Amino acid sequence: MRTDHRNDARIDNRLDTQRADGVPMRPLACERCAAEVLVRKSSWQQTSVQWTARATAACAERDATAGTGGTEGAFEGCRSLRDTIREAALHGRIEVVDPAGPGPAPRTGPGPGSPPDPPD
C-alpha cells in the first residue's frame, strides 16, 4: 500500500527565530564590517547565526578568503563576528539563554580598548 506524503508538513527548526523557550534570534551587526546577521546564544558553548545575502556580501573576512582555494563557497566563519557576538553576550546586548556551566574564558593580555595588565 502506497501512502501519499504530499500533505505531510515538516517543520524546519533551523529557520525558527522564536524558540520554545521564547527567546528569538536577534539582529547583531559585526563591529568590523557592519554585516548584520541574526544571532541566538543558547549557552556559552552554542551560538546560532543566520546569514542573509546582504550580510554575506558585506562580510570583510568572507571577501578576504574568496578565491583562496579549497571548496568553492566554503566559509569556516568570521572571527570578527565571533568576537562581536562574544562581547555582546558579555555586555548584555544579547541574551545567553542558558548561562549555567562554564562561562567565557578569561582574557589573556589587553584587548582592544582595555588598559594593559598591571605589572606583577
PDB file of N, CA and C in Angstrom:
ATOM      1  N   MET A   1       0.836  -1.176   0.000  1.00  0.00           N
ATOM      2  CA  MET A   1       0.000   0.000   0.000  1.00  0.00           C
ATOM      3  C   MET A   1       0.884   1.244   0.000  1.00  0.00           C
ATOM      4  N   ARG A   2       0.615   2.126  -0.906  1.00  0.00           N
ATOM      5  CA  ARG A   2       1.396   3.349  -1.033  1.00  0.00           C
ATOM      6  C   ARG A   2       0.695   4.481  -0.286  1.00  0.00           C
ATOM      7  N   THR A   3       1.468   5.249   0.466  1.00  0.00           N
ATOM      8  CA  THR A   3       0.917   6.353   1.236  1.00  0.00           C
ATOM      9  C   THR A   3       1.267   7.662   0.558  1.00  0.00           C
ATOM     10  N   ASP A   4       0.322   8.560   0.502  1.00  0.00           N
ATOM     11  CA  ASP A   4       0.549   9.875  -0.098  1.00  0.00           C
ATOM     12  C   ASP A   4       1.106  10.810   0.970  1.00  0.00           C
ATOM     13  N   HIS A   5       2.366  11.255   0.783  1.00  0.00           N
ATOM     14  CA  HIS A   5       3.029  12.107   1.777  1.00  0.00           C
ATOM     15  C   HIS A   5       3.042  13.579   1.377  1.00  0.00           C
ATOM     16  N   ARG A   6       2.332  13.932   0.312  1.00  0.00           N
ATOM     17  CA  ARG A   6       2.368  15.320  -0.149  1.00  0.00           C
ATOM     18  C   ARG A   6       1.825  16.303   0.879  1.00  0.00           C
ATOM     19  N   ASN A   7       0.953  15.868   1.753  1.00  0.00           N
ATOM     20  CA  ASN A   7       0.355  16.772   2.731  1.00  0.00           C
ATOM     21  C   ASN A   7       1.084  16.765   4.066  1.00  0.00           C
ATOM     22  N   ASP A   8       2.118  15.925   4.173  1.00  0.00           N
ATOM     23  CA  ASP A   8       2.886  15.886   5.422  1.00  0.00           C
ATOM     24  C   ASP A   8       3.734  17.144   5.530  1.00  0.00           C
ATOM     25  N   ALA A   9       3.558  17.879   6.619  1.00  0.00           N
ATOM     26  CA  ALA A   9       4.332  19.103   6.838  1.00  0.00           C
ATOM     27  C   ALA A   9       5.494  18.785   7.759  1.00  0.00           C
ATOM     28  N   ARG A  10       6.659  19.262   7.388  1.00  0.00           N
ATOM     29  CA  ARG A  10       7.841  19.093   8.216  1.00  0.00           C
ATOM     30  C   ARG A  10       8.304  20.472   8.656  1.00  0.00           C
ATOM     31  N   ILE A  11       8.458  20.650   9.934  1.00  0.00           N
ATOM     32  CA  ILE A  11       8.911  21.931  10.472  1.00  0.00           C
ATOM     33  C   ILE A  11      10.431  21.943  10.475  1.00  0.00           C
ATOM     34  N   ASP A  12      11.015  22.976   9.906  1.00  0.00           N
ATOM     35  CA  ASP A  12      12.459  23.131   9.877  1.00  0.00           C
ATOM     36  C   ASP A  12      12.859  24.064  11.013  1.00  0.00           C
ATOM     37  N   ASN A  13      13.311  23.491  12.120  1.00  0.00           N
ATOM     38  CA  ASN A  13      13.658  24.282  13.304  1.00  0.00           C
ATOM     39  C   ASN A  13      14.855  25.186  13.086  1.00  0.00           C
ATOM     40  N   ARG A  14      15.657  24.893  12.065  1.00  0.00           N
ATOM     41  CA  ARG A  14      16.821  25.754  11.822  1.00  0.00           C
ATOM     42  C   ARG A  14      16.393  27.165  11.442  1.00  0.00           C
ATOM     43  N   LEU A  15      15.205  27.309  10.870  1.00  0.00           N
ATOM     44  CA  LEU A  15      14.740  28.618  10.430  1.00  0.00           C
ATOM     45  C   LEU A  15      13.802  29.276  11.426  1.00  0.00           C
ATOM     46  N   ASP A  16      13.564  28.619  12.552  1.00  0.00           N
ATOM     47  CA  ASP A  16      12.636  29.135  13.553  1.00  0.00           C
ATOM     48  C   ASP A  16      13.332  30.210  14.380  1.00  0.00           C
ATOM     49  N   THR A  17      12.867  31.446  14.271  1.00  0.00           N
ATOM     50  CA  THR A  17      13.505  32.524  15.036  1.00  0.00           C
ATOM     51  C   THR A  17      12.878  32.703  16.409  1.00  0.00           C
ATOM     52  N   GLN A  18      11.807  31.986  16.718  1.00  0.00           N
ATOM     53  CA  GLN A  18      11.168  32.054  18.030  1.00  0.00           C
ATOM     54  C   GLN A  18      11.166  30.645  18.611  1.00  0.00           C
ATOM     55  N   ARG A  19      12.122  30.333  19.449  1.00  0.00           N
ATOM     56  CA  ARG A  19      12.277  29.001  20.004  1.00  0.00           C
ATOM     57  C   ARG A  19      11.244  28.736  21.096  1.00  0.00           C
ATOM     58  N   ALA A  20      11.150  27.485  21.514  1.00  0.00           N
ATOM     59  CA  ALA A  20      10.180  27.075  22.521  1.00  0.00           C
ATOM     60  C   ALA A  20      10.363  27.821  23.839  1.00  0.00           C
ATOM     61  N   ASP A  21      11.588  28.236  24.147  1.00  0.00           N
ATOM     62  CA  ASP A  21      11.823  28.948  25.402  1.00  0.00           C
ATOM     63  C   ASP A  21      11.483  30.427  25.286  1.00  0.00           C
ATOM     64  N   GLY A  22      11.010  30.859  24.121  1.00  0.00           N
ATOM     65  CA  GLY A  22      10.557  32.232  23.948  1.00  0.00           C
ATOM     66  C   GLY A  22      11.636  33.235  23.616  1.00  0.00           C
ATOM     67  N   VAL A  23      12.859  32.796  23.424  1.00  0.00           N
ATOM     68  CA  VAL A  23      13.948  33.722  23.130  1.00  0.00           C
ATOM     69  C   VAL A  23      14.221  33.688  21.623  1.00  0.00           C
ATOM     70  N   PRO A  24      13.897  34.767  20.926  1.00  0.00           N
ATOM     71  CA  PRO A  24      14.096  34.791  19.473  1.00  0.00           C
ATOM     72  C   PRO A  24      15.541  35.104  19.103  1.00  0.00           C
ATOM     73  N   MET A  25      15.852  34.909  17.832  1.00  0.00           N
ATOM     74  CA  MET A  25      17.135  35.362  17.310  1.00  0.00           C
ATOM     75  C   MET A  25      17.074  36.884  17.238  1.00  0.00           C
ATOM     76  N   ARG A  26      18.208  37.520  17.442  1.00  0.00           N
ATOM     77  CA  ARG A  26      18.290  38.981  17.470  1.00  0.00           C
ATOM     78  C   ARG A  26      19.243  39.472  16.386  1.00  0.00           C
ATOM     79  N   PRO A  27      18.944  40.617  15.782  1.00  0.00           N
ATOM     80  CA  PRO A  27      19.895  41.182  14.826  1.00  0.00           C
ATOM     81  C   PRO A  27      21.128  41.707  15.552  1.00  0.00           C
ATOM     82  N   LEU A  28      22.279  41.494  14.946  1.00  0.00           N
ATOM     83  CA  LEU A  28      23.534  41.980  15.514  1.00  0.00           C
ATOM     84  C   LEU A  28      24.465  42.297  14.353  1.00  0.00           C
ATOM     85  N   ALA A  29      25.061  43.480  14.396  1.00  0.00           N
ATOM     86  CA  ALA A  29      25.983  43.909  13.333  1.00  0.00           C
ATOM     87  C   ALA A  29      27.420  43.695  13.784  1.00  0.00           C
ATOM     88  N   CYS A  30      28.222  43.146  12.900  1.00  0.00           N
ATOM     89  CA  CYS A  30      29.642  42.942  13.153  1.00  0.00           C
ATOM     90  C   CYS A  30      30.314  44.298  13.380  1.00  0.00           C
ATOM     91  N   GLU A  31      31.154  44.372  14.391  1.00  0.00           N
ATOM     92  CA  GLU A  31      31.843  45.636  14.688  1.00  0.00           C
ATOM     93  C   GLU A  31      32.887  45.985  13.634  1.00  0.00           C
ATOM     94  N   ARG A  32      33.351  45.010  12.862  1.00  0.00           N
ATOM     95  CA  ARG A  32      34.364  45.288  11.846  1.00  0.00           C
ATOM     96  C   ARG A  32      33.749  45.816  10.552  1.00  0.00           C
ATOM     97  N   CYS A  33      32.716  45.118  10.044  1.00  0.00           N
ATOM     98  CA  CYS A  33      32.223  45.468   8.707  1.00  0.00           C
ATOM     99  C   CYS A  33      30.732  45.809   8.675  1.00  0.00           C
ATOM    100  N   ALA A  34      30.068  45.749   9.811  1.00  0.00           N
ATOM    101  CA  ALA A  34      28.649  46.081   9.949  1.00  0.00           C
ATOM    102  C   ALA A  34      27.719  45.083   9.269  1.00  0.00           C
ATOM    103  N   ALA A  35      28.214  43.910   8.868  1.00  0.00           N
ATOM    104  CA  ALA A  35      27.342  42.868   8.320  1.00  0.00           C
ATOM    105  C   ALA A  35      26.360  42.472   9.417  1.00  0.00           C
ATOM    106  N   GLU A  36      25.065  42.589   9.139  1.00  0.00           N
ATOM    107  CA  GLU A  36      24.056  42.287  10.157  1.00  0.00           C
ATOM    108  C   GLU A  36      23.491  40.888   9.955  1.00  0.00           C
ATOM    109  N   VAL A  37      23.597  40.071  10.987  1.00  0.00           N
ATOM    110  CA  VAL A  37      23.099  38.704  10.980  1.00  0.00           C
ATOM    111  C   VAL A  37      22.077  38.557  12.098  1.00  0.00           C
ATOM    112  N   LEU A  38      21.386  37.435  12.140  1.00  0.00           N
ATOM    113  CA  LEU A  38      20.525  37.099  13.273  1.00  0.00           C
ATOM    114  C   LEU A  38      21.301  36.150  14.168  1.00  0.00           C
ATOM    115  N   VAL A  39      21.265  36.392  15.487  1.00  0.00           N
ATOM    116  CA  VAL A  39      22.060  35.629  16.442  1.00  0.00           C
ATOM    117  C   VAL A  39      21.191  35.172  17.603  1.00  0.00           C
ATOM    118  N   ARG A  40      21.470  33.975  18.065  1.00  0.00           N
ATOM    119  CA  ARG A  40      20.850  33.454  19.290  1.00  0.00           C
ATOM    120  C   ARG A  40      21.933  32.696  20.037  1.00  0.00           C
ATOM    121  N   LYS A  41      22.186  33.099  21.262  1.00  0.00           N
ATOM    122  CA  LYS A  41      23.221  32.473  22.088  1.00  0.00           C
ATOM    123  C   LYS A  41      22.515  31.571  23.089  1.00  0.00           C
ATOM    124  N   SER A  42      22.421  30.280  22.770  1.00  0.00           N
ATOM    125  CA  SER A  42      21.723  29.326  23.628  1.00  0.00           C
ATOM    126  C   SER A  42      22.484  29.069  24.920  1.00  0.00           C
ATOM    127  N   SER A  43      23.804  29.055  24.842  1.00  0.00           N
ATOM    128  CA  SER A  43      24.670  28.872  26.008  1.00  0.00           C
ATOM    129  C   SER A  43      26.015  29.485  25.648  1.00  0.00           C
ATOM    130  N   TRP A  44      26.958  29.461  26.583  1.00  0.00           N
ATOM    131  CA  TRP A  44      28.280  29.999  26.268  1.00  0.00           C
ATOM    132  C   TRP A  44      28.974  29.149  25.220  1.00  0.00           C
ATOM    133  N   GLN A  45      28.556  27.874  25.084  1.00  0.00           N
ATOM    134  CA  GLN A  45      29.194  26.988  24.126  1.00  0.00           C
ATOM    135  C   GLN A  45      28.445  26.895  22.794  1.00  0.00           C
ATOM    136  N   GLN A  46      27.215  27.402  22.701  1.00  0.00           N
ATOM    137  CA  GLN A  46      26.425  27.224  21.484  1.00  0.00           C
ATOM    138  C   GLN A  46      25.834  28.543  21.015  1.00  0.00           C
ATOM    139  N   THR A  47      26.088  28.849  19.753  1.00  0.00           N
ATOM    140  CA  THR A  47      25.588  30.073  19.138  1.00  0.00           C
ATOM    141  C   THR A  47      24.987  29.721  17.787  1.00  0.00           C
ATOM    142  N   SER A  48      23.803  30.258  17.501  1.00  0.00           N
ATOM    143  CA  SER A  48      23.185  30.091  16.187  1.00  0.00           C
ATOM    144  C   SER A  48      23.288  31.418  15.450  1.00  0.00           C
ATOM    145  N   VAL A  49      23.691  31.345  14.188  1.00  0.00           N
ATOM    146  CA  VAL A  49      23.830  32.543  13.366  1.00  0.00           C
ATOM    147  C   VAL A  49      23.134  32.291  12.041  1.00  0.00           C
ATOM    148  N   GLN A  50      22.283  33.216  11.634  1.00  0.00           N
ATOM    149  CA  GLN A  50      21.661  33.157  10.318  1.00  0.00           C
ATOM    150  C   GLN A  50      22.212  34.300   9.474  1.00  0.00           C
ATOM    151  N   TRP A  51      22.844  33.924   8.367  1.00  0.00           N
ATOM    152  CA  TRP A  51      23.411  34.891   7.437  1.00  0.00           C
ATOM    153  C   TRP A  51      22.388  35.217   6.366  1.00  0.00           C
ATOM    154  N   THR A  52      22.304  36.474   6.009  1.00  0.00           N
ATOM    155  CA  THR A  52      21.488  36.890   4.873  1.00  0.00           C
ATOM    156  C   THR A  52      22.433  37.110   3.688  1.00  0.00           C
ATOM    157  N   ALA A  53      21.871  37.243   2.513  1.00  0.00           N
ATOM    158  CA  ALA A  53      22.695  37.521   1.333  1.00  0.00           C
ATOM    159  C   ALA A  53      23.425  38.853   1.509  1.00  0.00           C
ATOM    160  N   ARG A  54      22.760  39.832   2.101  1.00  0.00           N
ATOM    161  CA  ARG A  54      23.380  41.148   2.316  1.00  0.00           C
ATOM    162  C   ARG A  54      24.561  41.041   3.292  1.00  0.00           C
ATOM    163  N   ALA A  55      24.386  40.287   4.378  1.00  0.00           N
ATOM    164  CA  ALA A  55      25.470  40.124   5.349  1.00  0.00           C
ATOM    165  C   ALA A  55      26.634  39.366   4.729  1.00  0.00           C
ATOM    166  N   THR A  56      26.332  38.348   3.948  1.00  0.00           N
ATOM    167  CA  THR A  56      27.368  37.575   3.280  1.00  0.00           C
ATOM    168  C   THR A  56      28.195  38.475   2.360  1.00  0.00           C
ATOM    169  N   ALA A  57      27.519  39.335   1.630  1.00  0.00           N
ATOM    170  CA  ALA A  57      28.214  40.244   0.714  1.00  0.00           C
ATOM    171  C   ALA A  57      29.038  41.287   1.464  1.00  0.00           C
ATOM    172  N   ALA A  58      28.595  41.683   2.663  1.00  0.00           N
ATOM    173  CA  ALA A  58      29.272  42.736   3.421  1.00  0.00           C
ATOM    174  C   ALA A  58      30.440  42.227   4.258  1.00  0.00           C
ATOM    175  N   CYS A  59      30.497  40.920   4.532  1.00  0.00           N
ATOM    176  CA  CYS A  59      31.500  40.366   5.450  1.00  0.00           C
ATOM    177  C   CYS A  59      32.910  40.537   4.885  1.00  0.00           C
ATOM    178  N   ALA A  60      33.736  41.287   5.601  1.00  0.00           N
ATOM    179  CA  ALA A  60      35.104  41.557   5.165  1.00  0.00           C
ATOM    180  C   ALA A  60      35.958  40.295   5.169  1.00  0.00           C
ATOM    181  N   GLU A  61      35.774  39.422   6.147  1.00  0.00           N
ATOM    182  CA  GLU A  61      36.581  38.199   6.211  1.00  0.00           C
ATOM    183  C   GLU A  61      36.177  37.216   5.127  1.00  0.00           C
ATOM    184  N   ARG A  62      34.903  37.123   4.839  1.00  0.00           N
ATOM    185  CA  ARG A  62      34.446  36.232   3.764  1.00  0.00           C
ATOM    186  C   ARG A  62      35.023  36.704   2.434  1.00  0.00           C
ATOM    187  N   ASP A  63      34.998  38.016   2.227  1.00  0.00           N
ATOM    188  CA  ASP A  63      35.545  38.582   0.998  1.00  0.00           C
ATOM    189  C   ASP A  63      37.044  38.310   0.901  1.00  0.00           C
ATOM    190  N   ALA A  64      37.739  38.382   2.035  1.00  0.00           N
ATOM    191  CA  ALA A  64      39.189  38.185   2.049  1.00  0.00           C
ATOM    192  C   ALA A  64      39.572  36.740   1.753  1.00  0.00           C
ATOM    193  N   THR A  65      38.679  35.777   2.049  1.00  0.00           N
ATOM    194  CA  THR A  65      39.004  34.372   1.818  1.00  0.00           C
ATOM    195  C   THR A  65      38.528  33.871   0.463  1.00  0.00           C
ATOM    196  N   ALA A  66      37.811  34.696  -0.283  1.00  0.00           N
ATOM    197  CA  ALA A  66      37.327  34.281  -1.604  1.00  0.00           C
ATOM    198  C   ALA A  66      38.506  34.009  -2.521  1.00  0.00           C
ATOM    199  N   GLY A  67      38.435  32.906  -3.212  1.00  0.00           N
ATOM    200  CA  GLY A  67      39.469  32.574  -4.179  1.00  0.00           C
ATOM    201  C   GLY A  67      40.768  32.084  -3.573  1.00  0.00           C
ATOM    202  N   THR A  68      40.764  31.665  -2.303  1.00  0.00           N
ATOM    203  CA  THR A  68      41.998  31.188  -1.679  1.00  0.00           C
ATOM    204  C   THR A  68      42.140  29.678  -1.776  1.00  0.00           C
ATOM    205  N   GLY A  69      41.323  29.051  -2.610  1.00  0.00           N
ATOM    206  CA  GLY A  69      41.418  27.603  -2.774  1.00  0.00           C
ATOM    207  C   GLY A  69      40.412  26.895  -1.907  1.00  0.00           C
ATOM    208  N   GLY A  70      40.451  25.574  -1.940  1.00  0.00           N
ATOM    209  CA  GLY A  70      39.516  24.788  -1.147  1.00  0.00           C
ATOM    210  C   GLY A  70      38.179  24.650  -1.857  1.00  0.00           C
ATOM    211  N   THR A  71      37.186  24.270  -1.129  1.00  0.00           N
ATOM    212  CA  THR A  71      35.862  24.043  -1.680  1.00  0.00           C
ATOM    213  C   THR A  71      35.215  25.368  -2.042  1.00  0.00           C
ATOM    214  N   GLU A  72      34.689  25.455  -3.235  1.00  0.00           N
ATOM    215  CA  GLU A  72      34.021  26.678  -3.701  1.00  0.00           C
ATOM    216  C   GLU A  72      32.871  27.023  -2.750  1.00  0.00           C
ATOM    217  N   GLY A  73      32.869  28.235  -2.247  1.00  0.00           N
ATOM    218  CA  GLY A  73      31.793  28.690  -1.379  1.00  0.00           C
ATOM    219  C   GLY A  73      31.953  28.292   0.077  1.00  0.00           C
ATOM    220  N   ALA A  74      32.978  27.499   0.412  1.00  0.00           N
ATOM    221  CA  ALA A  74      33.164  27.087   1.803  1.00  0.00           C
ATOM    222  C   ALA A  74      33.643  28.276   2.621  1.00  0.00           C
ATOM    223  N   PHE A  75      33.070  28.431   3.789  1.00  0.00           N
ATOM    224  CA  PHE A  75      33.444  29.546   4.666  1.00  0.00           C
ATOM    225  C   PHE A  75      33.349  29.052   6.095  1.00  0.00           C
ATOM    226  N   GLU A  76      34.467  29.007   6.779  1.00  0.00           N
ATOM    227  CA  GLU A  76      34.521  28.470   8.135  1.00  0.00           C
ATOM    228  C   GLU A  76      33.844  29.357   9.167  1.00  0.00           C
ATOM    229  N   GLY A  77      33.720  30.629   8.899  1.00  0.00           N
ATOM    230  CA  GLY A  77      33.138  31.557   9.855  1.00  0.00           C
ATOM    231  C   GLY A  77      33.981  32.806   9.950  1.00  0.00           C
ATOM    232  N   CYS A  78      33.435  33.791  10.567  1.00  0.00           N
ATOM    233  CA  CYS A  78      34.078  35.094  10.659  1.00  0.00           C
ATOM    234  C   CYS A  78      34.554  35.339  12.086  1.00  0.00           C
ATOM    235  N   ARG A  79      35.851  35.473  12.239  1.00  0.00           N
ATOM    236  CA  ARG A  79      36.421  35.711  13.573  1.00  0.00           C
ATOM    237  C   ARG A  79      35.932  37.042  14.149  1.00  0.00           C
ATOM    238  N   SER A  80      35.831  38.067  13.311  1.00  0.00           N
ATOM    239  CA  SER A  80      35.364  39.372  13.794  1.00  0.00           C
ATOM    240  C   SER A  80      33.930  39.286  14.307  1.00  0.00           C
ATOM    241  N   LEU A  81      33.067  38.567  13.579  1.00  0.00           N
ATOM    242  CA  LEU A  81      31.691  38.402  14.027  1.00  0.00           C
ATOM    243  C   LEU A  81      31.641  37.589  15.315  1.00  0.00           C
ATOM    244  N   ARG A  82      32.452  36.534  15.395  1.00  0.00           N
ATOM    245  CA  ARG A  82      32.502  35.727  16.615  1.00  0.00           C
ATOM    246  C   ARG A  82      32.893  36.596  17.815  1.00  0.00           C
ATOM    247  N   ASP A  83      33.885  37.465  17.629  1.00  0.00           N
ATOM    248  CA  ASP A  83      34.292  38.372  18.708  1.00  0.00           C
ATOM    249  C   ASP A  83      33.178  39.358  19.058  1.00  0.00           C
ATOM    250  N   THR A  84      32.473  39.858  18.046  1.00  0.00           N
ATOM    251  CA  THR A  84      31.347  40.777  18.273  1.00  0.00           C
ATOM    252  C   THR A  84      30.266  40.089  19.091  1.00  0.00           C
ATOM    253  N   ILE A  85      29.946  38.855  18.753  1.00  0.00           N
ATOM    254  CA  ILE A  85      28.909  38.102  19.481  1.00  0.00           C
ATOM    255  C   ILE A  85      29.336  37.878  20.924  1.00  0.00           C
ATOM    256  N   ARG A  86      30.590  37.497  21.118  1.00  0.00           N
ATOM    257  CA  ARG A  86      31.092  37.258  22.474  1.00  0.00           C
ATOM    258  C   ARG A  86      30.982  38.528  23.321  1.00  0.00           C
ATOM    259  N   GLU A  87      31.437  39.645  22.769  1.00  0.00           N
ATOM    260  CA  GLU A  87      31.373  40.913  23.503  1.00  0.00           C
ATOM    261  C   GLU A  87      29.923  41.323  23.779  1.00  0.00           C
ATOM    262  N   ALA A  88      29.043  41.117  22.809  1.00  0.00           N
ATOM    263  CA  ALA A  88      27.623  41.450  23.005  1.00  0.00           C
ATOM    264  C   ALA A  88      27.022  40.613  24.132  1.00  0.00           C
ATOM    265  N   ALA A  89      27.400  39.344  24.209  1.00  0.00           N
ATOM    266  CA  ALA A  89      26.896  38.482  25.284  1.00  0.00           C
ATOM    267  C   ALA A  89      27.484  38.907  26.633  1.00  0.00           C
ATOM    268  N   LEU A  90      28.767  39.203  26.664  1.00  0.00           N
ATOM    269  CA  LEU A  90      29.406  39.628  27.919  1.00  0.00           C
ATOM    270  C   LEU A  90      28.816  40.919  28.460  1.00  0.00           C
ATOM    271  N   HIS A  91      28.421  41.829  27.560  1.00  0.00           N
ATOM    272  CA  HIS A  91      27.898  43.130  27.980  1.00  0.00           C
ATOM    273  C   HIS A  91      26.375  43.197  27.984  1.00  0.00           C
ATOM    274  N   GLY A  92      25.700  42.055  27.797  1.00  0.00           N
ATOM    275  CA  GLY A  92      24.245  42.004  27.914  1.00  0.00           C
ATOM    276  C   GLY A  92      23.480  42.540  26.709  1.00  0.00           C
ATOM    277  N   ARG A  93      24.144  42.760  25.584  1.00  0.00           N
ATOM    278  CA  ARG A  93      23.425  43.241  24.396  1.00  0.00           C
ATOM    279  C   ARG A  93      22.649  42.125  23.715  1.00  0.00           C
ATOM    280  N   ILE A  94      23.091  40.877  23.917  1.00  0.00           N
ATOM    281  CA  ILE A  94      22.298  39.714  23.525  1.00  0.00           C
ATOM    282  C   ILE A  94      22.247  38.784  24.730  1.00  0.00           C
ATOM    283  N   GLU A  95      21.150  38.078  24.857  1.00  0.00           N
ATOM    284  CA  GLU A  95      20.932  37.199  25.997  1.00  0.00           C
ATOM    285  C   GLU A  95      21.602  35.850  25.792  1.00  0.00           C
ATOM    286  N   VAL A  96      22.177  35.311  26.864  1.00  0.00           N
ATOM    287  CA  VAL A  96      22.635  33.931  26.871  1.00  0.00           C
ATOM    288  C   VAL A  96      21.510  33.153  27.535  1.00  0.00           C
ATOM    289  N   VAL A  97      20.796  32.339  26.741  1.00  0.00           N
ATOM    290  CA  VAL A  97      19.582  31.680  27.215  1.00  0.00           C
ATOM    291  C   VAL A  97      19.856  30.815  28.429  1.00  0.00           C
ATOM    292  N   ASP A  98      20.877  29.982  28.379  1.00  0.00           N
ATOM    293  CA  ASP A  98      21.220  29.103  29.497  1.00  0.00           C
ATOM    294  C   ASP A  98      22.652  29.399  29.921  1.00  0.00           C
ATOM    295  N   PRO A  99      22.837  30.368  30.816  1.00  0.00           N
ATOM    296  CA  PRO A  99      24.191  30.766  31.194  1.00  0.00           C
ATOM    297  C   PRO A  99      24.869  29.795  32.162  1.00  0.00           C
ATOM    298  N   ALA A 100      24.164  28.710  32.580  1.00  0.00           N
ATOM    299  CA  ALA A 100      24.755  27.743  33.503  1.00  0.00           C
ATOM    300  C   ALA A 100      25.959  27.077  32.852  1.00  0.00           C
ATOM    301  N   GLY A 101      26.844  26.604  33.672  1.00  0.00           N
ATOM    302  CA  GLY A 101      28.025  25.942  33.146  1.00  0.00           C
ATOM    303  C   GLY A 101      29.158  26.932  33.010  1.00  0.00           C
ATOM    304  N   PRO A 102      30.245  26.468  32.426  1.00  0.00           N
ATOM    305  CA  PRO A 102      31.411  27.357  32.322  1.00  0.00           C
ATOM    306  C   PRO A 102      31.122  28.540  31.416  1.00  0.00           C
ATOM    307  N   GLY A 103      31.502  29.684  31.875  1.00  0.00           N
ATOM    308  CA  GLY A 103      31.321  30.902  31.097  1.00  0.00           C
ATOM    309  C   GLY A 103      32.483  31.096  30.150  1.00  0.00           C
ATOM    310  N   PRO A 104      32.587  32.288  29.619  1.00  0.00           N
ATOM    311  CA  PRO A 104      33.674  32.563  28.683  1.00  0.00           C
ATOM    312  C   PRO A 104      35.027  32.498  29.384  1.00  0.00           C
ATOM    313  N   ALA A 105      36.028  32.100  28.640  1.00  0.00           N
ATOM    314  CA  ALA A 105      37.381  32.045  29.185  1.00  0.00           C
ATOM    315  C   ALA A 105      37.866  33.451  29.480  1.00  0.00           C
ATOM    316  N   PRO A 106      38.587  33.627  30.579  1.00  0.00           N
ATOM    317  CA  PRO A 106      39.118  34.959  30.867  1.00  0.00           C
ATOM    318  C   PRO A 106      40.098  35.374  29.785  1.00  0.00           C
ATOM    319  N   ARG A 107      40.147  36.658  29.529  1.00  0.00           N
ATOM    320  CA  ARG A 107      41.074  37.180  28.526  1.00  0.00           C
ATOM    321  C   ARG A 107      42.489  37.107  29.047  1.00  0.00           C
ATOM    322  N   THR A 108      43.401  36.911  28.125  1.00  0.00           N
ATOM    323  CA  THR A 108      44.813  36.971  28.475  1.00  0.00           C
ATOM    324  C   THR A 108      45.394  38.162  27.744  1.00  0.00           C
ATOM    325  N   GLY A 109      45.954  39.046  28.486  1.00  0.00           N
ATOM    326  CA  GLY A 109      46.526  40.246  27.880  1.00  0.00           C
ATOM    327  C   GLY A 109      45.464  41.272  27.583  1.00  0.00           C
ATOM    328  N   PRO A 110      45.882  42.447  27.200  1.00  0.00           N
ATOM    329  CA  PRO A 110      44.930  43.520  26.932  1.00  0.00           C
ATOM    330  C   PRO A 110      44.188  43.283  25.627  1.00  0.00           C
ATOM    331  N   GLY A 111      42.917  43.636  25.628  1.00  0.00           N
ATOM    332  CA  GLY A 111      42.119  43.584  24.416  1.00  0.00           C
ATOM    333  C   GLY A 111      41.980  44.983  23.863  1.00  0.00           C
ATOM    334  N   PRO A 112      41.334  45.105  22.729  1.00  0.00           N
ATOM    335  CA  PRO A 112      41.162  46.435  22.144  1.00  0.00           C
ATOM    336  C   PRO A 112      40.421  47.360  23.106  1.00  0.00           C
ATOM    337  N   GLY A 113      40.965  48.504  23.352  1.00  0.00           N
ATOM    338  CA  GLY A 113      40.314  49.489  24.201  1.00  0.00           C
ATOM    339  C   GLY A 113      40.409  49.228  25.685  1.00  0.00           C
ATOM    340  N   SER A 114      41.150  48.201  26.089  1.00  0.00           N
ATOM    341  CA  SER A 114      41.271  47.928  27.515  1.00  0.00           C
ATOM    342  C   SER A 114      42.668  48.296  27.988  1.00  0.00           C
ATOM    343  N   PRO A 115      42.777  48.647  29.274  1.00  0.00           N
ATOM    344  CA  PRO A 115      44.100  49.021  29.789  1.00  0.00           C
ATOM    345  C   PRO A 115      45.004  47.794  29.855  1.00  0.00           C
ATOM    346  N   PRO A 116      46.297  47.998  29.815  1.00  0.00           N
ATOM    347  CA  PRO A 116      47.224  46.865  29.914  1.00  0.00           C
ATOM    348  C   PRO A 116      47.128  46.207  31.282  1.00  0.00           C
ATOM    349  N   ASP A 117      47.560  44.946  31.342  1.00  0.00           N
ATOM    350  CA  ASP A 117      47.568  44.245  32.620  1.00  0.00           C
ATOM    351  C   ASP A 117      48.522  44.968  33.577  1.00  0.00           C
ATOM    352  N   PRO A 118      48.156  45.024  34.865  1.00  0.00           N
ATOM    353  CA  PRO A 118      49.053  45.676  35.844  1.00  0.00           C
ATOM    354  C   PRO A 118      50.345  44.876  36.001  1.00  0.00           C
ATOM    355  N   PRO A 119      51.441  45.565  36.290  1.00  0.00           N
ATOM    356  CA  PRO A 119      52.716  44.848  36.491  1.00  0.00           C
ATOM    357  C   PRO A 119      52.646  43.999  37.737  1.00  0.00           C
ATOM    358  N   ASP A 120      53.391  42.881  37.723  1.00  0.00           N
ATOM    359  CA  ASP A 120      53.415  41.981  38.889  1.00  0.00           C
ATOM    360  C   ASP A 120      54.261  42.504  40.007  1.00  0.00           C
TER     361      ASP A 120
END
